[in-house]
């Protein structure tokens, strides 16, 4: 078990990574898509978050993303956006 600062720094990252695993089915491992579905690895965090929130609010058209986004709080979507923004392209 990690203690102190190490645990505080890694626990949120591990949780976001666990959430991001469900994104891999469409966006590829770590957001590196090899298909017509957009790659999200290394994208700007603010842009990713704006899109996720728009999907959640239903203001950005989508086939399935609006359903996925509705399953997360705004704070969780922010952590997901940060996770994918940190991934190398």
N, C-alpha and C. Protein backbone atom coordinates (compact mmCIF):
# COMPACT_ATOMS: atom_id res chain seq x y z
N UNK A 1 0.84 -1.20 0.00
CA UNK A 1 0.00 0.00 0.00
C UNK A 1 0.88 1.24 0.00
N UNK A 2 0.50 2.21 -0.79
CA UNK A 2 1.22 3.45 -0.84
C UNK A 2 0.78 4.35 0.29
N UNK A 3 1.66 5.21 0.72
CA UNK A 3 1.30 6.11 1.80
C UNK A 3 1.48 7.55 1.42
N UNK A 4 0.85 8.43 2.16
CA UNK A 4 1.03 9.86 2.05
C UNK A 4 0.86 10.44 0.67
N UNK A 5 1.86 11.24 0.26
CA UNK A 5 1.79 11.97 -1.00
C UNK A 5 1.71 11.04 -2.21
N UNK A 6 2.41 9.91 -2.15
CA UNK A 6 2.37 8.98 -3.29
C UNK A 6 0.96 8.47 -3.52
N UNK A 7 0.26 8.14 -2.47
CA UNK A 7 -1.12 7.66 -2.61
C UNK A 7 -2.02 8.77 -3.13
N UNK A 8 -1.86 9.97 -2.64
CA UNK A 8 -2.69 11.09 -3.07
C UNK A 8 -2.49 11.39 -4.54
N UNK A 9 -1.28 11.19 -5.05
CA UNK A 9 -0.99 11.49 -6.45
C UNK A 9 -1.44 10.37 -7.39
N UNK A 10 -1.40 9.14 -6.94
CA UNK A 10 -1.68 8.05 -7.86
C UNK A 10 -3.11 7.55 -7.81
N UNK A 11 -3.79 7.66 -6.70
CA UNK A 11 -5.15 7.14 -6.60
C UNK A 11 -6.09 7.77 -7.64
N UNK A 12 -6.10 9.09 -7.80
CA UNK A 12 -6.97 9.66 -8.84
C UNK A 12 -6.58 9.21 -10.24
N UNK A 13 -5.28 9.10 -10.50
CA UNK A 13 -4.84 8.65 -11.81
C UNK A 13 -5.28 7.22 -12.08
N UNK A 14 -5.17 6.36 -11.07
CA UNK A 14 -5.60 4.98 -11.23
C UNK A 14 -7.09 4.88 -11.46
N UNK A 15 -7.86 5.69 -10.77
CA UNK A 15 -9.31 5.68 -10.96
C UNK A 15 -9.66 6.16 -12.36
N UNK A 16 -9.04 7.23 -12.81
CA UNK A 16 -9.31 7.74 -14.16
C UNK A 16 -8.91 6.71 -15.21
N UNK A 17 -7.82 6.02 -14.97
CA UNK A 17 -7.39 4.98 -15.92
C UNK A 17 -8.41 3.85 -15.98
N UNK A 18 -8.97 3.49 -14.84
CA UNK A 18 -10.00 2.45 -14.81
C UNK A 18 -11.23 2.90 -15.59
N UNK A 19 -11.64 4.14 -15.42
CA UNK A 19 -12.79 4.65 -16.17
C UNK A 19 -12.46 4.67 -17.66
N UNK A 20 -11.24 5.07 -18.01
CA UNK A 20 -10.83 5.20 -19.40
C UNK A 20 -10.79 3.86 -20.12
N UNK A 21 -10.70 2.77 -19.38
CA UNK A 21 -10.65 1.45 -20.02
C UNK A 21 -11.89 1.21 -20.87
N UNK A 22 -13.03 1.74 -20.46
CA UNK A 22 -14.25 1.54 -21.24
C UNK A 22 -14.21 2.33 -22.55
N UNK A 23 -13.38 3.34 -22.63
CA UNK A 23 -13.26 4.14 -23.85
C UNK A 23 -12.46 3.41 -24.92
N UNK A 24 -11.65 2.44 -24.50
CA UNK A 24 -10.76 1.74 -25.42
C UNK A 24 -11.51 0.98 -26.50
N UNK A 25 -12.70 0.52 -26.21
CA UNK A 25 -13.46 -0.25 -27.20
C UNK A 25 -13.66 0.54 -28.50
N UNK A 26 -13.84 1.83 -28.39
CA UNK A 26 -14.05 2.66 -29.58
C UNK A 26 -12.84 3.53 -29.92
N UNK A 27 -12.21 4.10 -28.90
CA UNK A 27 -11.13 5.07 -29.13
C UNK A 27 -9.75 4.45 -29.08
N UNK A 28 -9.65 3.14 -28.87
CA UNK A 28 -8.36 2.47 -28.84
C UNK A 28 -7.71 2.55 -27.47
N UNK A 29 -6.73 1.68 -27.28
CA UNK A 29 -6.00 1.65 -26.01
C UNK A 29 -5.36 3.01 -25.76
N UNK A 30 -5.57 3.54 -24.59
CA UNK A 30 -5.05 4.85 -24.18
C UNK A 30 -5.47 5.97 -25.13
N UNK A 31 -6.60 5.77 -25.84
CA UNK A 31 -7.13 6.82 -26.70
C UNK A 31 -6.48 6.93 -28.06
N UNK A 32 -5.71 5.91 -28.45
CA UNK A 32 -4.99 5.93 -29.73
C UNK A 32 -5.75 5.10 -30.77
N UNK A 33 -6.78 5.68 -31.33
CA UNK A 33 -7.64 5.00 -32.29
C UNK A 33 -6.94 4.73 -33.61
N UNK A 34 -7.23 3.57 -34.15
CA UNK A 34 -6.72 3.23 -35.49
C UNK A 34 -7.89 3.04 -36.45
N UNK A 35 -8.97 3.76 -36.21
CA UNK A 35 -10.16 3.63 -37.03
C UNK A 35 -10.72 5.01 -37.34
N UNK A 36 -11.93 5.02 -37.87
CA UNK A 36 -12.58 6.29 -38.19
C UNK A 36 -13.00 7.06 -36.93
N UNK A 37 -13.03 6.39 -35.81
CA UNK A 37 -13.37 7.05 -34.54
C UNK A 37 -12.17 7.87 -34.11
N UNK A 38 -12.39 9.11 -33.70
CA UNK A 38 -11.26 9.99 -33.39
C UNK A 38 -10.36 9.47 -32.27
N UNK A 39 -9.05 9.65 -32.47
CA UNK A 39 -8.09 9.41 -31.40
C UNK A 39 -8.23 10.56 -30.41
N UNK A 40 -8.14 10.26 -29.13
CA UNK A 40 -8.27 11.31 -28.12
C UNK A 40 -7.00 11.46 -27.28
N UNK A 41 -6.02 10.59 -27.50
CA UNK A 41 -4.76 10.68 -26.76
C UNK A 41 -4.03 11.97 -27.13
N UNK A 42 -3.54 12.67 -26.11
CA UNK A 42 -2.75 13.87 -26.34
C UNK A 42 -3.52 15.09 -26.77
N UNK A 43 -4.83 15.00 -26.76
CA UNK A 43 -5.64 16.16 -27.13
C UNK A 43 -5.68 17.16 -25.97
N UNK A 44 -5.99 18.38 -26.27
CA UNK A 44 -6.07 19.43 -25.27
C UNK A 44 -7.14 19.10 -24.23
N UNK A 45 -6.79 19.18 -22.95
CA UNK A 45 -7.71 18.83 -21.87
C UNK A 45 -8.98 19.68 -21.92
N UNK A 46 -8.83 20.96 -22.15
CA UNK A 46 -9.99 21.86 -22.15
C UNK A 46 -10.95 21.51 -23.27
N UNK A 47 -10.41 21.21 -24.44
CA UNK A 47 -11.24 20.84 -25.59
C UNK A 47 -11.96 19.52 -25.32
N UNK A 48 -11.22 18.54 -24.81
CA UNK A 48 -11.84 17.25 -24.48
C UNK A 48 -12.96 17.43 -23.47
N UNK A 49 -12.70 18.20 -22.42
CA UNK A 49 -13.72 18.40 -21.39
C UNK A 49 -14.94 19.11 -21.96
N UNK A 50 -14.73 20.13 -22.78
CA UNK A 50 -15.86 20.84 -23.38
C UNK A 50 -16.73 19.88 -24.20
N UNK A 51 -16.08 19.00 -24.96
CA UNK A 51 -16.83 18.05 -25.77
C UNK A 51 -17.56 17.04 -24.89
N UNK A 52 -16.91 16.53 -23.87
CA UNK A 52 -17.56 15.57 -22.97
C UNK A 52 -18.77 16.19 -22.29
N UNK A 53 -18.62 17.42 -21.84
CA UNK A 53 -19.75 18.10 -21.19
C UNK A 53 -20.88 18.37 -22.19
N UNK A 54 -20.52 18.71 -23.42
CA UNK A 54 -21.54 18.94 -24.44
C UNK A 54 -22.27 17.64 -24.78
N UNK A 55 -21.56 16.52 -24.82
CA UNK A 55 -22.22 15.23 -25.02
C UNK A 55 -23.18 14.96 -23.87
N UNK A 56 -22.72 15.21 -22.66
CA UNK A 56 -23.55 14.96 -21.47
C UNK A 56 -24.81 15.82 -21.50
N UNK A 57 -24.68 17.05 -21.93
CA UNK A 57 -25.82 17.98 -21.96
C UNK A 57 -26.70 17.77 -23.19
N UNK A 58 -26.22 16.98 -24.14
CA UNK A 58 -26.99 16.72 -25.34
C UNK A 58 -26.89 17.82 -26.38
N UNK A 59 -25.91 18.70 -26.25
CA UNK A 59 -25.77 19.80 -27.20
C UNK A 59 -24.79 19.49 -28.34
N UNK A 60 -24.08 18.37 -28.25
CA UNK A 60 -23.19 17.92 -29.31
C UNK A 60 -23.72 16.59 -29.81
N UNK A 61 -24.11 16.51 -31.08
CA UNK A 61 -24.68 15.27 -31.61
C UNK A 61 -23.69 14.11 -31.51
N UNK A 62 -24.23 12.94 -31.24
CA UNK A 62 -23.39 11.74 -31.11
C UNK A 62 -24.24 10.50 -31.31
N UNK A 63 -23.57 9.40 -31.60
CA UNK A 63 -24.28 8.13 -31.69
C UNK A 63 -24.39 7.48 -30.31
N UNK A 64 -23.28 7.43 -29.59
CA UNK A 64 -23.30 6.80 -28.26
C UNK A 64 -22.65 7.65 -27.17
N UNK A 65 -21.86 8.64 -27.54
CA UNK A 65 -21.11 9.40 -26.53
C UNK A 65 -22.01 10.11 -25.52
N UNK A 66 -23.16 10.55 -25.94
CA UNK A 66 -24.06 11.22 -24.99
C UNK A 66 -24.48 10.26 -23.88
N UNK A 67 -24.66 8.99 -24.21
CA UNK A 67 -25.04 8.00 -23.19
C UNK A 67 -23.88 7.73 -22.25
N UNK A 68 -22.67 7.60 -22.78
CA UNK A 68 -21.50 7.37 -21.94
C UNK A 68 -21.27 8.54 -21.00
N UNK A 69 -21.31 9.75 -21.54
CA UNK A 69 -21.00 10.95 -20.76
C UNK A 69 -22.00 11.16 -19.61
N UNK A 70 -23.24 10.78 -19.83
CA UNK A 70 -24.26 10.95 -18.78
C UNK A 70 -23.98 10.08 -17.56
N UNK A 71 -23.13 9.07 -17.71
CA UNK A 71 -22.81 8.19 -16.60
C UNK A 71 -21.75 8.73 -15.65
N UNK A 72 -21.23 9.90 -15.93
CA UNK A 72 -20.15 10.49 -15.13
C UNK A 72 -20.56 11.85 -14.60
N UNK A 73 -20.01 12.22 -13.46
CA UNK A 73 -20.19 13.58 -12.95
C UNK A 73 -19.28 14.50 -13.77
N UNK A 74 -19.49 15.79 -13.67
CA UNK A 74 -18.63 16.75 -14.37
C UNK A 74 -17.19 16.61 -13.89
N UNK A 75 -16.98 16.39 -12.60
CA UNK A 75 -15.63 16.23 -12.05
C UNK A 75 -14.97 14.97 -12.60
N UNK A 76 -15.73 13.91 -12.75
CA UNK A 76 -15.18 12.68 -13.31
C UNK A 76 -14.81 12.87 -14.77
N UNK A 77 -15.64 13.60 -15.51
CA UNK A 77 -15.32 13.89 -16.91
C UNK A 77 -14.06 14.74 -17.01
N UNK A 78 -13.87 15.64 -16.06
CA UNK A 78 -12.66 16.45 -16.05
C UNK A 78 -11.43 15.57 -15.82
N UNK A 79 -11.55 14.60 -14.94
CA UNK A 79 -10.43 13.68 -14.70
C UNK A 79 -10.16 12.81 -15.92
N UNK A 80 -11.21 12.38 -16.61
CA UNK A 80 -11.02 11.61 -17.84
C UNK A 80 -10.32 12.46 -18.91
N UNK A 81 -10.75 13.69 -19.06
CA UNK A 81 -10.12 14.59 -20.03
C UNK A 81 -8.65 14.78 -19.70
N UNK A 82 -8.34 14.96 -18.44
CA UNK A 82 -6.94 15.12 -18.02
C UNK A 82 -6.15 13.85 -18.31
N UNK A 83 -6.75 12.70 -18.06
CA UNK A 83 -6.08 11.42 -18.32
C UNK A 83 -5.70 11.31 -19.80
N UNK A 84 -6.65 11.54 -20.68
CA UNK A 84 -6.36 11.41 -22.11
C UNK A 84 -5.43 12.49 -22.61
N UNK A 85 -5.50 13.68 -22.05
CA UNK A 85 -4.59 14.75 -22.45
C UNK A 85 -3.13 14.41 -22.11
N UNK A 86 -2.93 13.64 -21.06
CA UNK A 86 -1.57 13.23 -20.65
C UNK A 86 -1.00 12.11 -21.50
N UNK A 87 -1.83 11.42 -22.26
CA UNK A 87 -1.35 10.29 -23.06
C UNK A 87 -0.60 10.81 -24.28
N UNK A 88 0.51 10.16 -24.63
CA UNK A 88 1.19 10.57 -25.85
C UNK A 88 0.36 10.25 -27.08
N UNK A 89 0.47 11.09 -28.09
CA UNK A 89 -0.29 10.87 -29.34
C UNK A 89 0.22 9.64 -30.07
